[in-house]
Protein backbone atom coordinates (compact mmCIF):
# COMPACT_ATOMS: atom_id res chain seq x y z
CA MET A 1 14.08 25.94 4.11
CA ALA A 2 14.30 26.52 7.83
CA GLY A 3 10.98 26.96 9.60
CA MET A 4 9.00 25.51 6.69
CA THR A 5 6.70 22.54 7.20
CA PRO A 6 5.74 20.20 4.41
CA ASN A 7 2.36 20.80 2.85
CA THR A 8 1.22 17.22 3.32
CA PRO A 9 -1.73 16.09 5.44
CA ALA A 10 -1.11 13.87 8.44
CA ALA A 11 -1.49 10.22 7.61
CA THR A 12 -5.05 9.04 8.18
CA PRO A 13 -5.28 5.61 9.76
CA PRO A 14 -6.80 2.84 7.64
CA ALA A 15 -10.47 1.94 8.03
CA THR A 16 -12.08 -1.45 8.50
CA TRP A 17 -14.52 -2.78 5.93
CA ALA A 18 -17.31 -2.11 8.45
CA ASP A 19 -16.15 1.53 8.74
CA PHE A 20 -16.28 1.89 4.95
CA HIS A 21 -19.68 0.15 4.76
CA THR A 22 -21.07 2.45 7.46
CA ALA A 23 -19.69 5.60 5.80
CA GLU A 24 -20.79 4.73 2.24
CA PRO A 25 -23.25 1.78 2.25
CA ALA A 26 -24.37 2.19 -1.38
CA PHE A 27 -20.79 2.43 -2.67
CA ALA A 28 -19.71 -0.52 -0.50
CA ALA A 29 -22.58 -2.58 -1.95
CA VAL A 30 -21.43 -1.78 -5.51
CA VAL A 31 -17.87 -2.82 -4.65
CA GLU A 32 -18.92 -6.06 -2.95
CA LYS A 33 -21.24 -6.94 -5.85
CA ARG A 34 -18.40 -6.42 -8.32
CA PHE A 35 -16.04 -8.66 -6.32
CA ARG A 36 -18.72 -11.38 -6.07
CA LEU A 37 -19.17 -11.60 -9.86
CA TYR A 38 -16.15 -13.92 -10.13
CA ARG A 39 -14.51 -16.26 -7.66
CA HIS A 40 -10.88 -15.31 -8.32
CA GLN A 41 -9.42 -11.81 -8.01
CA VAL A 42 -5.95 -10.34 -8.61
CA LEU A 43 -3.80 -9.53 -5.55
CA ALA A 44 -0.66 -7.38 -5.60
CA THR A 45 1.84 -7.66 -2.74
CA LEU A 46 5.41 -6.47 -2.28
CA ARG A 47 8.37 -8.84 -2.58
CA ARG A 48 11.34 -8.65 -0.22
CA ASP A 49 13.15 -6.34 -2.69
CA GLY A 50 10.11 -4.03 -2.97
CA SER A 51 9.08 -5.12 -6.45
CA PRO A 52 5.42 -6.08 -7.00
CA ARG A 53 4.09 -9.64 -7.01
CA VAL A 54 0.71 -10.29 -8.65
CA THR A 55 -1.21 -13.47 -7.94
CA GLY A 56 -4.71 -14.90 -7.89
CA LEU A 57 -6.81 -14.91 -4.73
CA GLU A 58 -10.35 -15.32 -3.43
CA ALA A 59 -11.79 -12.44 -1.41
CA ASP A 60 -14.55 -13.11 1.11
CA PHE A 61 -17.00 -10.74 2.78
CA ARG A 62 -18.13 -11.99 6.21
CA PHE A 63 -18.66 -10.66 9.72
CA GLY A 64 -18.47 -7.06 8.49
CA GLU A 65 -14.98 -7.66 7.11
CA MET A 66 -13.26 -8.14 3.78
CA LEU A 67 -11.19 -11.29 4.30
CA LEU A 68 -8.33 -12.77 2.29
CA GLY A 69 -7.54 -16.45 2.70
CA MET A 70 -4.48 -18.22 1.37
CA MET A 71 -2.43 -21.37 1.65
CA PRO A 72 0.06 -21.54 4.50
CA HIS A 73 3.52 -20.25 3.66
CA SER A 74 2.45 -19.17 0.16
CA ARG A 75 4.57 -16.40 -1.34
CA LYS A 76 1.69 -13.92 -1.05
CA ALA A 77 1.20 -14.79 2.65
CA LEU A 78 4.93 -14.42 3.32
CA ASP A 79 4.87 -11.08 1.49
CA LEU A 80 2.01 -9.86 3.70
CA PHE A 81 3.69 -11.03 6.92
CA ARG A 82 6.78 -9.03 5.93
CA ASP A 83 4.94 -5.96 4.56
CA PRO A 84 1.14 -5.84 4.96
CA ARG A 85 0.53 -3.38 2.12
CA PHE A 86 -1.51 -4.78 -0.76
CA ALA A 87 -3.91 -3.95 -3.57
CA ILE A 88 -6.62 -6.24 -4.89
CA GLN A 89 -8.49 -5.82 -8.15
CA ALA A 90 -11.80 -7.50 -8.89
CA ASN A 91 -11.55 -9.98 -11.74
CA PRO A 92 -12.18 -7.95 -14.93
CA GLY A 93 -14.21 -10.79 -16.46
CA PRO A 94 -14.17 -12.72 -19.71
CA ASP A 95 -14.41 -9.85 -22.18
CA ALA A 96 -13.75 -6.16 -22.70
CA ASP A 97 -17.30 -5.08 -21.79
CA MET A 98 -16.83 -4.58 -18.02
CA ALA A 99 -20.40 -3.32 -17.72
CA ASP A 100 -20.04 -3.30 -13.92
CA GLY A 101 -16.82 -1.29 -14.06
CA ASP A 102 -13.44 -1.90 -12.51
CA VAL A 103 -12.98 -2.14 -8.73
CA ARG A 104 -9.81 -1.96 -6.63
CA VAL A 105 -9.14 -1.95 -2.90
CA ALA A 106 -5.80 -1.07 -1.30
CA GLY A 107 -4.68 -1.16 2.28
CA ARG A 108 -3.04 -3.37 4.85
CA ALA A 109 -3.70 -7.06 5.46
CA ILE A 110 -3.88 -7.95 9.15
CA GLU A 111 -3.57 -11.63 10.13
CA VAL A 112 -6.63 -13.01 11.92
CA THR A 113 -5.44 -14.86 15.02
CA ASP A 114 -8.61 -14.85 17.15
CA PRO A 115 -9.50 -18.55 17.61
CA ALA A 116 -13.24 -17.82 17.85
CA LEU A 117 -13.26 -15.84 14.59
CA LEU A 118 -11.16 -18.48 12.84
CA ALA A 119 -13.53 -21.24 14.04
CA ARG A 120 -16.54 -19.23 12.86
CA PHE A 121 -14.89 -18.68 9.47
CA ILE A 122 -14.10 -22.40 9.13
CA ALA A 123 -17.69 -23.32 10.04
CA GLU A 124 -19.19 -20.94 7.48
CA ALA A 125 -16.68 -20.91 4.61
CA THR A 126 -15.23 -24.44 4.92
CA PRO A 127 -11.81 -23.45 3.52
CA PRO A 128 -9.16 -26.07 2.80
CA GLU A 129 -7.02 -26.36 5.91
CA PRO A 130 -4.54 -25.28 7.02
CA PHE A 131 -4.72 -21.68 5.82
CA HIS A 132 -3.81 -18.10 6.66
CA LEU A 133 -6.63 -15.58 7.02
CA PHE A 134 -6.17 -11.82 6.80
CA ARG A 135 -8.67 -9.03 7.35
CA VAL A 136 -8.42 -5.88 5.28
CA ASP A 137 -7.73 -2.42 6.66
CA ILE A 138 -8.60 -0.01 3.84
CA THR A 139 -6.59 2.96 2.64
CA GLU A 140 -8.41 3.30 -0.72
CA VAL A 141 -11.41 1.94 -2.63
CA VAL A 142 -11.81 2.83 -6.31
CA HIS A 143 -14.57 2.09 -8.83
CA THR A 144 -14.03 3.12 -12.45
CA GLY A 145 -16.84 2.86 -14.98
CA MET A 146 -18.50 4.53 -17.92
CA ASP A 147 -21.51 6.83 -17.97
CA GLY A 148 -22.27 7.37 -21.61
CA GLU A 149 -19.10 8.83 -23.10
CA GLU A 150 -17.67 9.86 -19.73
CA LEU A 151 -15.25 7.87 -17.63
CA VAL A 152 -16.40 8.05 -13.99
CA VAL A 153 -13.91 7.39 -11.18
CA ARG A 154 -15.33 7.13 -7.67
CA SER A 155 -12.84 6.79 -4.84
CA TRP A 156 -13.14 6.55 -1.08
CA HIS A 157 -10.35 7.18 1.43
CA PRO A 158 -10.61 7.17 5.23
CA GLY A 159 -10.86 10.71 6.49
CA ARG A 160 -11.62 12.12 3.02
CA GLY A 161 -14.82 10.33 2.11
CA LEU A 162 -16.21 9.65 -1.34
CA ARG A 163 -15.08 11.66 -4.37
CA THR A 164 -16.19 11.43 -7.97
CA VAL A 165 -14.24 12.54 -11.02
CA ARG A 166 -15.83 12.49 -14.47
CA ARG A 167 -13.55 12.55 -17.48
CA GLY A 168 -14.83 13.33 -20.91
CA ASN A 169 -13.40 15.05 -23.94
CA GLU A 170 -13.18 18.32 -22.01
CA GLY A 171 -11.01 17.05 -19.12
CA PRO A 172 -11.71 15.94 -15.57
CA VAL A 173 -14.47 17.42 -13.45
CA GLU A 174 -14.33 16.58 -9.74
CA ARG A 175 -17.52 16.29 -7.75
CA GLY A 176 -17.41 15.79 -4.00
């Protein structure tokens, strides 16, 4: 209709890992701990035709950043060069217990090209070379776990902050 504006908020720019850690240090610590439980995580990227590609990956937390390293010219790297949007899920583990919950991060992967940062990463992480390194700009962080009989979903978005939704037999209850 003429004169009507959509009822959608303006896009909030992504946040760095350091921004997230500063805004919600306890939540960031839970997320990092969950990712560190296992070496390999699950990365989703977008293929040229827009369909999803899921692959294994190691996530690294250094220098106040969440970093994603990968082999040169790998399909996932080529996907990220073409379209930087991604989601990464912490490895769910060897069984159905998932006592530490489920953790996911979504955002944009930005190639690290700064020679000093790359040299520092090589010195500390000793990755197989050559490699591509991306830093994460966050659009969403989600932790899903159980509290007794309730499913608890905590999510953080830049500009919105941390939200908690508890789902039990009586439906969802959002707590800010």
